[in-house]
Amino acid sequence: MAKATAIAAGNAGTGRIVDTDRPLVDEKLVLCFFIASLSYVLIAMLAGLLFSLQFLQIYPFANSEFFSPGRWRFVHTQGVAYGFIANAFLGALHWAVPRLTGNRVLSDKLSWFILFAWQAIVLATVVGVLSGEAQALEWGETPVWIDPVAQLGLILVAINFLTPILKVKGPMYVTLWYLIAAFIWTPLVYAMGNFLPEYVIGGSAAGAIGGLFIHDLVGLFVTPIGWGLMYYFVPIILKKPIWSHGLSLVGFWGLAFFYPLNGIHHFLYSPIPMFLQYGAVISTIAVELVVTTVIVNFFGTLVGRGDALRTNLSIRWFYIGMVFYFTTCLQCAFQVTLTFQKVIHFTDWVVGHAHLVMFGVFGFWILGMMTHLLPRLMKARDWYCNRWNHWHFWLSGIGLFVMFIDLMIAGLIQGFAWRDLAPWEDSLTFSTPFWKLRTLTGIAIVVGQCFFLMNVYMTWKHMRGAASTTPMPTPTGGGEPAIA
């Protein structure tokens, strides 16, 4: 096989040239990770919709232990985190890391093993929690017999990607800075949250560790990979370098310094020492200042290319996600204060906040990446129906935004009612209209995902064969160099 020249697209629009006997990227593997991710997101969202019905007293499986609402809530949260987000990130990393480094991952066989092993872990987790084997740790409900296997999987993922990254000579793209940090932090965070409270530490100290795990799973796993991929895809699609390299470094080091300290803000007014609680409050507010520099950097990059918000759906997904990210962090800077916690703790305000950050930020970024890449991965010239993609965007965006506002208002009403010692039954009466609206917005979001899944299937079915003998053009609005 003749050697081919590959161009690794970089954050600043430059590239590294490397000779290789095989393609840098196994596109079939990337596609498989994306398909797995989309499968889980539909299951997880249906589980969330099912869970919401209990608040309306129309839960269809009230007498079934296996379908009890609490267990299906775990399917919802675990399915989003480890099924939807983790699979999508693994697919995107297999696309971006070889291009940024000019090196293939350590082992293609290991990548395929991780693909199948990860699906087995997620499915086993679902079966375990539905069978009543969930652990009493938020975001760590995975059964105890899953934890060592998942820990090993995270280590293998880190080894597979760190090997090509560490081969890079000279300066690294900012994306790689974020990814290196994520590959180091994630196994450490998972071990801290899933082993220390269970086997080593007890009492309020275990609560502190659990709080760190809850937040660091977002801040040290999802956030660095998500932002790192934005530093890759946004300049590629806009065809211009990131606005400020200096601000990108401020964002990275600010994340590294402040985010690990945030988690204890989940346990304000608890027996955890107050100096730790105060530290969590201050560092959480500091994160908002750091996030502002990142947002300014990306909107500075958009200057002169604002038309892309209208013409390129992926860019629209990305930047709406960035606005939501700024919103959640600004919201967090207020809600972690001791004064605000007196009102919103244990209310639906927190639920709305969580939905906005997990789906509205990282979910939107993932869907933007998929919108950009899936036609190319399926060897199609374009989407089967671009209108369906717009329906997907608007149903998801409007549905989530209305859900967020709905739950935020519900949370304030609940919090003030409880503060004023109103009867518990009154707070339920106040909340019922908001819970009805939440279910309706959830239905809109699920319908939006169905539009996208249907579009993926129809694109594969009707356009793959026609495009198989034609060179694949870059999707409309893209700017990514093709691999020769």
Protein backbone atom coordinates (compact mmCIF):
# COMPACT_ATOMS: atom_id res chain seq x y z
CA MET A 1 0.00 0.00 0.00
CA ALA A 2 1.45 3.32 -1.05
CA LYS A 3 2.20 5.77 1.65
CA ALA A 4 -0.25 8.62 2.04
CA THR A 5 0.29 12.11 3.36
CA ALA A 6 -1.98 13.13 6.21
CA ILE A 7 -2.62 16.63 7.45
CA ALA A 8 -3.33 16.95 11.14
CA ALA A 9 -5.55 20.00 11.45
CA GLY A 10 -4.55 22.25 14.35
CA ASN A 11 -6.16 24.87 16.55
CA ALA A 12 -4.52 27.68 14.65
CA GLY A 13 -5.20 26.27 11.21
CA THR A 14 -1.69 24.87 10.81
CA GLY A 15 -0.87 21.21 10.29
CA ARG A 16 1.72 18.55 10.87
CA ILE A 17 2.76 16.36 7.97
CA VAL A 18 3.34 12.70 8.64
CA ASP A 19 3.86 9.62 6.48
CA THR A 20 1.72 6.66 7.32
CA ASP A 21 0.87 3.29 5.83
CA ARG A 22 -2.67 3.46 7.20
CA PRO A 23 -5.20 6.22 7.72
CA LEU A 24 -4.65 8.21 10.87
CA VAL A 25 -8.28 7.79 11.86
CA ASP A 26 -10.40 4.66 11.87
CA GLU A 27 -13.61 6.36 10.76
CA LYS A 28 -15.68 3.21 11.22
CA LEU A 29 -14.67 3.17 14.89
CA VAL A 30 -15.65 6.82 15.32
CA LEU A 31 -19.02 6.08 13.72
CA CYS A 32 -19.62 3.11 16.03
CA PHE A 33 -18.95 5.24 19.13
CA PHE A 34 -21.36 7.89 17.85
CA ILE A 35 -24.10 5.35 17.10
CA ALA A 36 -23.68 3.85 20.59
CA SER A 37 -23.90 7.34 22.08
CA LEU A 38 -27.11 8.14 20.20
CA SER A 39 -28.64 4.83 21.25
CA TYR A 40 -28.00 5.58 24.91
CA VAL A 41 -29.23 9.16 24.75
CA LEU A 42 -32.65 8.00 23.57
CA ILE A 43 -32.84 5.36 26.32
CA ALA A 44 -31.63 7.79 28.98
CA MET A 45 -34.09 10.50 27.95
CA LEU A 46 -37.00 8.09 27.87
CA ALA A 47 -35.98 7.00 31.38
CA GLY A 48 -35.99 10.64 32.50
CA LEU A 49 -39.41 11.16 30.93
CA LEU A 50 -40.68 8.05 32.69
CA PHE A 51 -39.29 9.30 36.00
CA SER A 52 -41.05 12.66 35.59
CA LEU A 53 -44.44 10.95 35.43
CA GLN A 54 -44.33 10.00 39.10
CA PHE A 55 -44.65 13.68 40.01
CA LEU A 56 -47.91 13.82 38.06
CA GLN A 57 -49.29 10.69 39.77
CA ILE A 58 -49.62 8.90 36.42
CA TYR A 59 -46.61 6.61 36.73
CA PRO A 60 -47.52 3.49 34.71
CA PHE A 61 -45.39 0.98 36.69
CA ALA A 62 -46.18 1.96 40.26
CA ASN A 63 -46.28 -1.64 41.51
CA SER A 64 -43.17 -2.89 39.72
CA GLU A 65 -39.95 -3.01 41.71
CA PHE A 66 -37.84 -3.32 38.56
CA PHE A 67 -39.48 -0.19 37.09
CA SER A 68 -39.51 1.84 40.30
CA PRO A 69 -38.95 5.56 39.60
CA GLY A 70 -35.84 5.83 41.76
CA ARG A 71 -34.07 3.12 39.80
CA TRP A 72 -35.02 4.61 36.45
CA ARG A 73 -33.65 7.93 37.60
CA PHE A 74 -30.28 6.19 37.87
CA VAL A 75 -30.72 4.87 34.32
CA HIS A 76 -31.35 8.46 33.26
CA THR A 77 -28.29 9.98 34.95
CA GLN A 78 -25.85 7.10 34.37
CA GLY A 79 -27.06 6.71 30.78
CA VAL A 80 -26.40 10.37 30.03
CA ALA A 81 -22.97 10.48 31.71
CA TYR A 82 -21.46 7.14 30.71
CA GLY A 83 -23.61 6.10 27.75
CA PHE A 84 -24.23 9.32 25.82
CA ILE A 85 -21.42 11.69 26.79
CA ALA A 86 -18.57 9.20 27.33
CA ASN A 87 -19.23 7.32 24.06
CA ALA A 88 -19.48 10.52 22.06
CA PHE A 89 -16.28 11.87 23.57
CA LEU A 90 -14.44 8.64 22.81
CA GLY A 91 -15.56 8.88 19.19
CA ALA A 92 -14.56 12.54 18.88
CA LEU A 93 -11.19 11.85 20.54
CA HIS A 94 -10.45 9.12 18.01
CA TRP A 95 -11.12 11.73 15.33
CA ALA A 96 -9.23 14.69 16.80
CA VAL A 97 -6.19 13.30 18.63
CA PRO A 98 -4.55 11.61 15.59
CA ARG A 99 -5.06 14.79 13.55
CA LEU A 100 -3.57 17.02 16.21
CA THR A 101 -0.57 14.79 16.86
CA GLY A 102 0.06 13.24 13.45
CA ASN A 103 0.11 9.88 15.24
CA ARG A 104 -2.38 7.06 15.43
CA VAL A 105 -3.63 5.89 18.81
CA LEU A 106 -1.44 3.34 20.56
CA SER A 107 -3.47 0.35 19.35
CA ASP A 108 -6.40 0.05 16.97
CA LYS A 109 -7.23 -3.32 18.56
CA LEU A 110 -7.29 -1.70 21.98
CA SER A 111 -9.66 0.98 20.65
CA TRP A 112 -12.09 -1.66 19.37
CA PHE A 113 -11.80 -3.55 22.64
CA ILE A 114 -12.62 -0.36 24.55
CA LEU A 115 -15.66 0.19 22.31
CA PHE A 116 -17.20 -3.19 23.11
CA ALA A 117 -16.01 -3.29 26.72
CA TRP A 118 -17.48 0.15 27.45
CA GLN A 119 -20.88 -0.86 26.11
CA ALA A 120 -20.76 -3.95 28.31
CA ILE A 121 -19.92 -1.77 31.34
CA VAL A 122 -22.80 0.64 30.68
CA LEU A 123 -25.32 -2.14 30.05
CA ALA A 124 -24.15 -4.02 33.15
CA THR A 125 -24.58 -0.81 35.15
CA VAL A 126 -28.16 -0.45 33.90
CA VAL A 127 -28.97 -4.05 34.79
CA GLY A 128 -27.31 -3.65 38.18
CA VAL A 129 -29.15 -0.50 39.23
CA LEU A 130 -32.49 -1.84 38.00
CA SER A 131 -31.86 -4.98 40.06
CA GLY A 132 -31.43 -2.87 43.19
CA GLU A 133 -27.63 -2.98 43.43
CA ALA A 134 -27.02 0.76 43.19
CA GLN A 135 -24.63 2.39 45.63
CA ALA A 136 -25.67 5.34 47.80
CA LEU A 137 -23.35 7.83 46.12
CA GLU A 138 -24.60 10.51 43.74
CA TRP A 139 -23.21 9.91 40.22
CA GLY A 140 -21.50 6.84 41.65
CA GLU A 141 -24.51 4.53 41.78
CA THR A 142 -22.72 1.90 39.69
CA PRO A 143 -22.70 -1.51 41.44
CA VAL A 144 -19.54 -2.28 43.39
CA TRP A 145 -18.56 -5.07 40.97
CA ILE A 146 -18.58 -2.59 38.07
CA ASP A 147 -16.19 -0.09 39.66
CA PRO A 148 -12.90 -2.02 39.23
CA VAL A 149 -13.73 -2.83 35.60
CA ALA A 150 -14.65 0.78 34.82
CA GLN A 151 -11.48 1.95 36.55
CA LEU A 152 -9.38 -0.33 34.38
CA GLY A 153 -11.22 0.89 31.29
CA LEU A 154 -10.45 4.53 32.09
CA ILE A 155 -6.77 3.70 32.53
CA LEU A 156 -6.68 1.90 29.17
CA VAL A 157 -8.34 4.88 27.48
CA ALA A 158 -5.73 7.21 28.98
CA ILE A 159 -2.85 5.01 27.83
CA ASN A 160 -4.29 4.67 24.32
CA PHE A 161 -4.51 8.44 23.81
CA LEU A 162 -1.59 9.70 25.89
CA THR A 163 0.86 7.61 23.86
CA PRO A 164 0.39 9.54 20.58
CA ILE A 165 0.13 12.86 22.43
CA LEU A 166 3.41 12.38 24.30
CA LYS A 167 5.17 11.63 21.00
CA VAL A 168 4.56 15.20 19.85
CA LYS A 169 7.73 17.27 19.58
CA GLY A 170 7.60 20.98 20.28
CA PRO A 171 4.63 23.13 21.34
CA MET A 172 1.25 21.47 21.72
CA TYR A 173 -2.14 22.77 20.71
CA VAL A 174 -4.31 23.95 23.60
CA THR A 175 -6.71 21.11 22.86
CA LEU A 176 -4.00 18.64 23.81
CA TRP A 177 -3.34 20.46 27.07
CA TYR A 178 -6.97 19.93 28.06
CA LEU A 179 -6.98 16.32 26.93
CA ILE A 180 -3.78 15.41 28.78
CA ALA A 181 -5.28 16.85 31.94
CA ALA A 182 -8.52 14.93 31.43
CA PHE A 183 -6.73 11.61 30.86
CA ILE A 184 -4.80 12.08 34.11
CA TRP A 185 -7.62 13.50 36.21
CA THR A 186 -10.44 11.16 35.22
CA PRO A 187 -9.01 7.86 36.54
CA LEU A 188 -7.96 9.64 39.74
CA VAL A 189 -11.41 11.20 40.22
CA TYR A 190 -13.19 7.91 39.56
CA ALA A 191 -10.97 6.08 42.05
CA MET A 192 -11.46 8.80 44.65
CA GLY A 193 -15.24 8.74 44.39
CA ASN A 194 -15.86 5.03 43.98
CA PHE A 195 -13.36 3.48 46.38
CA LEU A 196 -12.42 5.90 49.17
CA PRO A 197 -15.93 6.52 50.63
CA GLU A 198 -16.85 2.85 50.35
CA TYR A 199 -13.75 1.23 51.80
CA VAL A 200 -11.45 3.78 53.43
CA ILE A 201 -13.12 6.95 54.72
CA GLY A 202 -16.33 7.37 56.72
CA GLY A 203 -18.46 10.06 58.29
CA SER A 204 -18.41 13.67 57.13
CA ALA A 205 -15.02 13.09 55.49
CA ALA A 206 -16.69 10.58 53.15
CA GLY A 207 -19.29 13.26 52.38
CA ALA A 208 -16.54 15.70 51.47
CA ILE A 209 -14.91 13.14 49.19
CA GLY A 210 -18.28 12.35 47.64
CA GLY A 211 -18.88 16.03 46.98
CA LEU A 212 -15.51 16.37 45.30
CA PHE A 213 -16.30 13.34 43.13
CA ILE A 214 -19.71 14.70 42.12
CA HIS A 215 -18.29 17.97 40.89
CA ASP A 216 -14.91 16.78 39.64
CA LEU A 217 -16.62 14.24 37.40
CA VAL A 218 -18.02 17.27 35.59
CA GLY A 219 -15.09 19.62 36.03
CA LEU A 220 -12.15 17.27 35.50
CA PHE A 221 -13.63 14.76 33.03
CA VAL A 222 -16.44 16.28 31.01
CA THR A 223 -15.29 19.92 31.04
CA PRO A 224 -11.66 19.56 29.85
CA ILE A 225 -12.62 17.12 27.09
CA GLY A 226 -15.58 19.28 26.06
CA TRP A 227 -13.65 22.54 25.97
CA GLY A 228 -10.63 20.84 24.43
CA LEU A 229 -12.75 19.59 21.53
CA MET A 230 -14.25 23.08 21.12
CA TYR A 231 -10.72 24.45 20.71
CA TYR A 232 -10.36 21.92 17.90
CA PHE A 233 -13.68 22.05 16.04
CA VAL A 234 -14.55 25.75 16.21
CA PRO A 235 -11.40 27.07 14.47
CA ILE A 236 -11.60 24.23 11.93
CA ILE A 237 -15.17 25.04 10.93
CA LEU A 238 -14.74 28.84 11.06
CA LYS A 239 -11.45 28.57 9.14
CA LYS A 240 -9.67 30.98 11.46
CA PRO A 241 -7.38 30.65 14.49
CA ILE A 242 -8.59 31.02 18.04
CA TRP A 243 -8.74 34.70 18.99
CA SER A 244 -6.24 34.72 21.87
CA HIS A 245 -3.74 32.02 22.76
CA GLY A 246 -3.05 33.83 26.04
CA LEU A 247 -6.71 33.68 27.11
CA SER A 248 -6.82 30.00 26.24
CA LEU A 249 -3.99 29.40 28.70
CA VAL A 250 -5.75 31.47 31.38
CA GLY A 251 -8.82 29.29 30.90
CA PHE A 252 -6.84 26.07 31.17
CA TRP A 253 -4.82 26.96 34.26
CA GLY A 254 -7.83 28.56 35.93
CA LEU A 255 -9.76 25.32 35.46
CA ALA A 256 -6.85 23.29 36.82
CA PHE A 257 -6.43 25.51 39.89
CA PHE A 258 -10.01 26.30 40.96
CA TYR A 259 -12.29 23.50 39.77
CA PRO A 260 -10.92 20.66 41.96
CA LEU A 261 -11.93 22.65 45.05
CA ASN A 262 -15.59 23.16 44.11
CA GLY A 263 -17.26 19.93 45.15
CA ILE A 264 -17.89 20.64 48.83
CA HIS A 265 -20.33 23.41 47.88
CA HIS A 266 -22.85 20.55 47.53
CA PHE A 267 -22.74 20.17 51.32
CA LEU A 268 -23.01 23.65 52.75
CA TYR A 269 -24.34 23.82 56.33
CA SER A 270 -23.11 20.25 56.85
CA PRO A 271 -20.69 18.90 59.51
CA ILE A 272 -17.83 19.36 57.04
CA PRO A 273 -15.44 22.00 58.47
CA MET A 274 -16.54 25.52 57.56
CA PHE A 275 -13.15 26.55 56.18
CA LEU A 276 -13.58 23.88 53.51
CA GLN A 277 -17.10 25.12 52.77
CA TYR A 278 -15.87 28.70 52.47
CA GLY A 279 -13.05 27.57 50.21
CA ALA A 280 -15.53 25.80 47.94
CA VAL A 281 -17.70 28.93 47.72
CA ILE A 282 -14.77 31.18 46.82
CA SER A 283 -13.31 28.77 44.26
CA THR A 284 -16.72 28.29 42.64
CA ILE A 285 -17.13 32.03 42.17
CA ALA A 286 -13.56 32.17 40.80
CA VAL A 287 -14.47 29.55 38.19
CA GLU A 288 -17.07 31.95 36.76
CA LEU A 289 -14.34 34.53 36.22
CA VAL A 290 -12.21 31.91 34.47
CA VAL A 291 -15.13 30.79 32.32
CA THR A 292 -15.69 34.40 31.27
CA THR A 293 -12.21 34.52 29.73
CA VAL A 294 -12.94 31.36 27.75
CA ILE A 295 -16.30 32.69 26.52
CA VAL A 296 -14.70 36.00 25.49
CA ASN A 297 -12.03 34.06 23.61
CA PHE A 298 -14.52 32.04 21.59
CA PHE A 299 -16.78 35.00 20.80
CA GLY A 300 -13.67 36.94 19.78
CA THR A 301 -12.96 34.10 17.37
CA LEU A 302 -16.49 34.48 15.98
CA VAL A 303 -15.93 38.15 15.09
CA GLY A 304 -16.02 38.48 11.33
CA ARG A 305 -17.67 35.10 10.96
CA GLY A 306 -20.97 35.77 12.68
CA ASP A 307 -22.75 34.57 9.54
CA ALA A 308 -21.76 31.04 10.58
CA LEU A 309 -24.40 31.15 13.32
CA ARG A 310 -26.98 31.33 10.54
CA THR A 311 -25.37 29.12 7.90
CA ASN A 312 -23.66 26.39 9.96
CA LEU A 313 -25.78 24.33 12.35
CA SER A 314 -22.76 22.87 14.15
CA ILE A 315 -21.52 26.35 15.05
CA ARG A 316 -24.99 27.18 16.32
CA TRP A 317 -24.96 24.08 18.58
CA PHE A 318 -21.48 25.03 19.84
CA TYR A 319 -22.21 28.66 20.66
CA ILE A 320 -25.62 28.10 22.22
CA GLY A 321 -23.84 25.54 24.40
CA MET A 322 -21.25 28.18 25.34
CA VAL A 323 -23.99 30.66 26.30
CA PHE A 324 -25.58 27.95 28.44
CA TYR A 325 -22.19 27.21 29.99
CA PHE A 326 -21.74 30.84 30.97
CA THR A 327 -25.31 30.85 32.32
CA THR A 328 -24.80 27.77 34.48
CA CYS A 329 -21.53 29.05 35.91
CA LEU A 330 -23.02 32.47 36.62
CA GLN A 331 -25.97 30.76 38.26
CA CYS A 332 -23.59 28.58 40.25
CA ALA A 333 -21.66 31.62 41.49
CA PHE A 334 -24.86 32.83 43.16
CA GLN A 335 -26.37 29.55 44.30
CA VAL A 336 -23.25 28.42 46.18
CA THR A 337 -23.42 31.35 48.55
CA LEU A 338 -24.65 30.47 52.02
CA THR A 339 -27.52 32.94 51.71
CA PHE A 340 -28.80 31.50 48.44
CA GLN A 341 -28.42 27.92 49.66
CA LYS A 342 -30.98 28.58 52.39
CA VAL A 343 -33.59 28.93 49.64
CA ILE A 344 -32.70 26.63 46.74
CA HIS A 345 -31.15 23.58 48.41
CA PHE A 346 -33.09 20.37 47.64
CA THR A 347 -35.41 22.24 45.25
CA ASP A 348 -36.05 21.87 41.51
CA TRP A 349 -33.72 24.82 40.93
CA VAL A 350 -30.81 22.36 41.25
CA VAL A 351 -32.47 19.94 38.83
CA GLY A 352 -32.82 22.66 36.20
CA HIS A 353 -29.21 23.68 36.73
CA ALA A 354 -28.00 20.10 36.21
CA HIS A 355 -30.03 19.66 33.02
CA LEU A 356 -28.72 22.88 31.53
CA VAL A 357 -25.06 21.99 32.08
CA MET A 358 -25.13 18.29 31.15
CA PHE A 359 -27.41 18.45 28.11
CA GLY A 360 -27.48 22.14 27.24
CA VAL A 361 -23.70 22.46 27.26
CA PHE A 362 -21.94 19.16 26.70
CA GLY A 363 -24.90 17.50 24.99
CA PHE A 364 -25.23 20.42 22.58
CA TRP A 365 -21.50 20.35 21.82
CA ILE A 366 -21.68 16.63 21.14
CA LEU A 367 -24.68 17.02 18.84
CA GLY A 368 -22.85 19.80 17.00
CA MET A 369 -19.84 17.55 16.47
CA MET A 370 -22.08 14.76 15.22
CA THR A 371 -23.91 17.12 12.87
CA HIS A 372 -20.54 18.07 11.39
CA LEU A 373 -18.98 14.62 11.20
CA LEU A 374 -21.68 12.00 10.65
CA PRO A 375 -22.27 12.59 6.90
CA ARG A 376 -18.56 12.24 6.29
CA LEU A 377 -18.31 9.14 8.46
CA MET A 378 -21.19 7.55 6.54
CA LYS A 379 -19.61 8.57 3.18
CA ALA A 380 -22.64 10.68 2.34
CA ARG A 381 -22.53 14.00 0.50
CA ASP A 382 -24.93 15.66 2.90
CA TRP A 383 -27.72 14.94 5.32
CA TYR A 384 -30.82 13.18 4.02
CA CYS A 385 -32.99 16.06 5.31
CA ASN A 386 -31.38 19.22 6.69
CA ARG A 387 -34.81 20.41 7.80
CA TRP A 388 -34.99 17.51 10.25
CA ASN A 389 -31.70 18.67 11.77
CA HIS A 390 -33.19 22.10 12.31
CA TRP A 391 -36.25 20.56 13.95
CA HIS A 392 -33.82 18.64 16.16
CA PHE A 393 -32.04 21.85 17.13
CA TRP A 394 -35.11 23.94 17.86
CA LEU A 395 -37.03 21.23 19.74
CA SER A 396 -33.96 20.50 21.87
CA GLY A 397 -33.00 24.14 22.41
CA ILE A 398 -36.44 25.57 23.14
CA GLY A 399 -37.50 22.50 25.11
CA LEU A 400 -34.43 22.65 27.34
CA PHE A 401 -34.54 26.42 27.83
CA VAL A 402 -38.22 26.33 28.84
CA MET A 403 -37.49 23.37 31.16
CA PHE A 404 -34.65 25.32 32.77
CA ILE A 405 -36.76 28.43 33.38
CA ASP A 406 -39.66 26.29 34.57
CA LEU A 407 -37.58 24.41 37.13
CA MET A 408 -35.76 27.54 38.26
CA ILE A 409 -39.08 29.26 39.09
CA ALA A 410 -40.44 26.08 40.68
CA GLY A 411 -37.32 25.85 42.83
CA LEU A 412 -37.72 29.40 44.10
CA ILE A 413 -41.38 28.82 44.96
CA GLN A 414 -40.54 25.58 46.76
CA GLY A 415 -37.63 27.13 48.63
CA PHE A 416 -39.53 30.16 49.88
CA ALA A 417 -42.50 27.97 50.84
CA TRP A 418 -40.28 25.69 52.90
CA ARG A 419 -38.44 28.64 54.44
CA ASP A 420 -41.75 30.08 55.58
CA LEU A 421 -42.73 26.70 57.05
CA ALA A 422 -45.68 26.21 54.69
CA PRO A 423 -47.21 22.72 54.90
CA TRP A 424 -45.42 20.18 52.71
CA GLU A 425 -48.68 19.44 50.87
CA ASP A 426 -48.92 23.09 49.83
CA SER A 427 -45.49 22.96 48.19
CA LEU A 428 -46.65 19.95 46.18
CA THR A 429 -49.72 21.85 45.04
CA PHE A 430 -47.60 24.83 44.04
CA SER A 431 -45.18 22.60 42.10
CA THR A 432 -47.65 20.50 40.11
CA PRO A 433 -48.14 22.95 37.18
CA PHE A 434 -44.39 23.28 36.83
CA TRP A 435 -43.94 19.51 36.84
CA LYS A 436 -46.53 19.20 34.07
CA LEU A 437 -44.62 21.71 31.96
CA ARG A 438 -41.36 19.85 32.67
CA THR A 439 -42.86 16.65 31.26
CA LEU A 440 -44.08 18.49 28.15
CA THR A 441 -40.65 20.00 27.54
CA GLY A 442 -39.12 16.57 28.07
CA ILE A 443 -41.40 15.18 25.38
CA ALA A 444 -40.28 17.97 23.01
CA ILE A 445 -36.62 17.11 23.65
CA VAL A 446 -37.23 13.38 23.06
CA VAL A 447 -39.08 14.14 19.80
CA GLY A 448 -36.11 16.27 18.74
CA GLN A 449 -33.72 13.36 19.28
CA CYS A 450 -36.05 11.13 17.23
CA PHE A 451 -35.77 13.57 14.31
CA PHE A 452 -31.99 13.33 14.51
CA LEU A 453 -31.90 9.54 14.83
CA MET A 454 -34.27 9.21 11.89
CA ASN A 455 -32.07 11.53 9.86
CA VAL A 456 -28.97 9.50 10.69
CA TYR A 457 -30.67 6.30 9.61
CA MET A 458 -32.10 7.75 6.39
CA THR A 459 -28.76 9.35 5.49
CA TRP A 460 -27.03 6.01 5.90
CA LYS A 461 -29.74 4.12 4.02
CA HIS A 462 -30.29 6.40 1.04
CA MET A 463 -27.03 8.23 0.48
CA ARG A 464 -24.18 5.97 1.45
CA GLY A 465 -24.39 3.83 -1.67
CA ALA A 466 -24.66 6.82 -3.99
CA ALA A 467 -21.63 8.48 -2.40
CA SER A 468 -19.41 5.38 -2.23
CA THR A 469 -17.73 6.06 -5.59
CA THR A 470 -17.53 9.84 -5.15
CA PRO A 471 -14.90 11.74 -3.12
CA MET A 472 -16.47 12.98 0.09
CA PRO A 473 -16.81 16.77 0.18
CA THR A 474 -16.64 18.67 3.42
CA PRO A 475 -20.17 19.22 4.81
CA THR A 476 -21.64 22.64 4.13
CA GLY A 477 -20.03 25.31 6.26
CA GLY A 478 -17.10 23.11 7.25
CA GLY A 479 -13.45 23.82 6.71
CA GLU A 480 -11.64 20.68 7.72
CA PRO A 481 -8.88 19.50 5.40
CA ALA A 482 -9.53 16.05 4.01
CA ILE A 483 -7.09 13.23 4.56
CA ALA A 484 -5.33 12.49 1.31
